[in-house]
C-alpha atoms as a PDB file:
ATOM      1  CA  MET A   1      -0.060   0.042  -0.192  1.00  0.00           C
ATOM      2  CA  PHE A   2       0.982   3.699  -0.732  1.00  0.00           C
ATOM      3  CA  PHE A   3      -0.738   6.910  -0.409  1.00  0.00           C
ATOM      4  CA  ALA A   4      -1.562   9.450  -3.063  1.00  0.00           C
ATOM      5  CA  CYS A   5      -2.968  12.681  -3.177  1.00  0.00           C
ATOM      6  CA  GLY A   6      -3.426  15.636  -5.964  1.00  0.00           C
ATOM      7  CA  TYR A   7      -5.380  15.489  -9.371  1.00  0.00           C
ATOM      8  CA  ASP A   8      -6.730  12.482 -10.901  1.00  0.00           C
ATOM      9  CA  GLY A   9      -8.110  13.188 -13.642  1.00  0.00           C
ATOM     10  CA  TYR A  10      -6.520  10.195 -15.627  1.00  0.00           C
ATOM     11  CA  GLY A  11      -6.743   7.828 -12.781  1.00  0.00           C
ATOM     12  CA  GLN A  12      -3.166   8.532 -12.401  1.00  0.00           C
ATOM     13  CA  LEU A  13      -3.228   8.233  -8.540  1.00  0.00           C
ATOM     14  CA  GLY A  14      -4.348   4.706  -8.802  1.00  0.00           C
ATOM     15  CA  LEU A  15      -7.394   5.099  -6.490  1.00  0.00           C
ATOM     16  CA  GLY A  16      -9.682   3.628  -8.925  1.00  0.00           C
ATOM     17  CA  ARG A  17     -11.516   6.198 -10.080  1.00  0.00           C
ATOM     18  CA  SER A  18     -11.073   9.583 -12.231  1.00  0.00           C
ATOM     19  CA  PHE A  19     -12.825  12.936 -11.834  1.00  0.00           C
ATOM     20  CA  GLU A  20     -15.347  12.021 -14.335  1.00  0.00           C
ATOM     21  CA  ASP A  21     -16.994  10.121 -11.429  1.00  0.00           C
ATOM     22  CA  GLU A  22     -16.205  13.350  -9.357  1.00  0.00           C
ATOM     23  CA  GLU A  23     -18.646  16.325  -8.938  1.00  0.00           C
ATOM     24  CA  ASP A  24     -15.893  19.045  -8.841  1.00  0.00           C
ATOM     25  CA  GLU A  25     -12.790  18.220 -10.747  1.00  0.00           C
ATOM     26  CA  GLU A  26     -10.838  21.291 -10.098  1.00  0.00           C
ATOM     27  CA  GLU A  27     -10.731  20.529  -6.440  1.00  0.00           C
ATOM     28  CA  GLY A  28      -8.558  17.149  -6.692  1.00  0.00           C
ATOM     29  CA  VAL A  29      -7.894  14.906  -3.963  1.00  0.00           C
ATOM     30  CA  ASN A  30      -6.445  16.984  -1.350  1.00  0.00           C
ATOM     31  CA  THR A  31      -6.173  14.699   1.543  1.00  0.00           C
ATOM     32  CA  PHE A  32      -3.808  11.596   1.172  1.00  0.00           C
ATOM     33  CA  GLN A  33      -5.796   8.522   0.275  1.00  0.00           C
ATOM     34  CA  PRO A  34      -4.696   4.862   0.252  1.00  0.00           C
ATOM     35  CA  VAL A  35      -3.960   2.865  -2.457  1.00  0.00           C
ATOM     36  CA  ALA A  36      -3.918  -0.911  -2.187  1.00  0.00           C
ATOM     37  CA  LEU A  37      -1.912  -3.276  -4.145  1.00  0.00           C
ATOM     38  CA  PRO A  38      -2.451  -7.205  -4.479  1.00  0.00           C
ATOM     39  CA  ASP A  39      -1.766  -9.271  -1.653  1.00  0.00           C
ATOM     40  CA  GLY A  40       1.781  -9.850  -0.949  1.00  0.00           C
ATOM     41  CA  LYS A  41       2.634  -6.736  -3.053  1.00  0.00           C
ATOM     42  CA  HIS A  42       4.871  -4.647  -1.018  1.00  0.00           C
ATOM     43  CA  VAL A  43       5.869  -0.905  -2.271  1.00  0.00           C
ATOM     44  CA  GLN A  44       9.940  -0.761  -3.185  1.00  0.00           C
ATOM     45  CA  GLN A  45       9.685   2.758  -5.307  1.00  0.00           C
ATOM     46  CA  VAL A  46       7.287   5.161  -6.833  1.00  0.00           C
ATOM     47  CA  ALA A  47       7.565   7.289  -9.947  1.00  0.00           C
ATOM     48  CA  SER A  48       5.098   9.692 -11.135  1.00  0.00           C
ATOM     49  CA  GLY A  49       4.388  12.366 -13.776  1.00  0.00           C
ATOM     50  CA  GLY A  50       1.398  14.777 -14.566  1.00  0.00           C
ATOM     51  CA  ALA A  51      -0.579  11.883 -15.726  1.00  0.00           C
ATOM     52  CA  PHE A  52       0.772   8.557 -14.588  1.00  0.00           C
ATOM     53  CA  THR A  53       1.846   6.397 -11.625  1.00  0.00           C
ATOM     54  CA  ILE A  54       4.305   3.446 -11.868  1.00  0.00           C
ATOM     55  CA  VAL A  55       4.937   1.311  -8.877  1.00  0.00           C
ATOM     56  CA  LEU A  56       7.806  -0.898  -8.697  1.00  0.00           C
ATOM     57  CA  THR A  57       7.260  -3.827  -5.550  1.00  0.00           C
ATOM     58  CA  THR A  58       9.871  -5.243  -3.864  1.00  0.00           C
ATOM     59  CA  ASP A  59       9.482  -8.539  -6.078  1.00  0.00           C
ATOM     60  CA  VAL A  60      10.190  -6.346  -8.948  1.00  0.00           C
ATOM     61  CA  SER A  61       6.720  -6.396 -10.484  1.00  0.00           C
ATOM     62  CA  LEU A  62       5.388  -3.145 -12.041  1.00  0.00           C
ATOM     63  CA  PHE A  63       2.187  -1.725 -11.793  1.00  0.00           C
ATOM     64  CA  GLY A  64       0.904   1.247 -13.570  1.00  0.00           C
ATOM     65  CA  CYS A  65      -2.319   3.462 -13.692  1.00  0.00           C
ATOM     66  CA  GLY A  66      -3.061   6.806 -15.425  1.00  0.00           C
ATOM     67  CA  PHE A  67      -3.395   8.154 -19.047  1.00  0.00           C
ATOM     68  CA  ASN A  68      -2.844   5.577 -21.530  1.00  0.00           C
ATOM     69  CA  TYR A  69      -3.983   7.182 -24.744  1.00  0.00           C
ATOM     70  CA  SER A  70      -0.965   6.322 -26.484  1.00  0.00           C
ATOM     71  CA  CYS A  71       0.278   3.169 -24.743  1.00  0.00           C
ATOM     72  CA  GLN A  72       2.317   4.856 -22.444  1.00  0.00           C
ATOM     73  CA  LEU A  73       1.598   2.645 -19.465  1.00  0.00           C
ATOM     74  CA  GLY A  74       2.623  -0.341 -21.556  1.00  0.00           C
ATOM     75  CA  LEU A  75      -0.160  -2.159 -20.883  1.00  0.00           C
ATOM     76  CA  GLY A  76      -0.753  -3.834 -24.333  1.00  0.00           C
ATOM     77  CA  ASP A  77      -3.763  -2.142 -25.425  1.00  0.00           C
END
């Protein structure tokens, strides 16, 4: 688990939602929110940019979330 806050318009915080679901997207998430990883996964490092977050776990798995319009996250779609 890690914690995230800020603008989530592309789902880049990993909270399982985006501001399309929110009433006021200009507000952002102004308090830290817990971001769950699959069971048994532990965060080693987090990298983020304006529209994405990538998480490296201690077992060297990578998880990505956020803007994927041009396949930036490497998800194959």
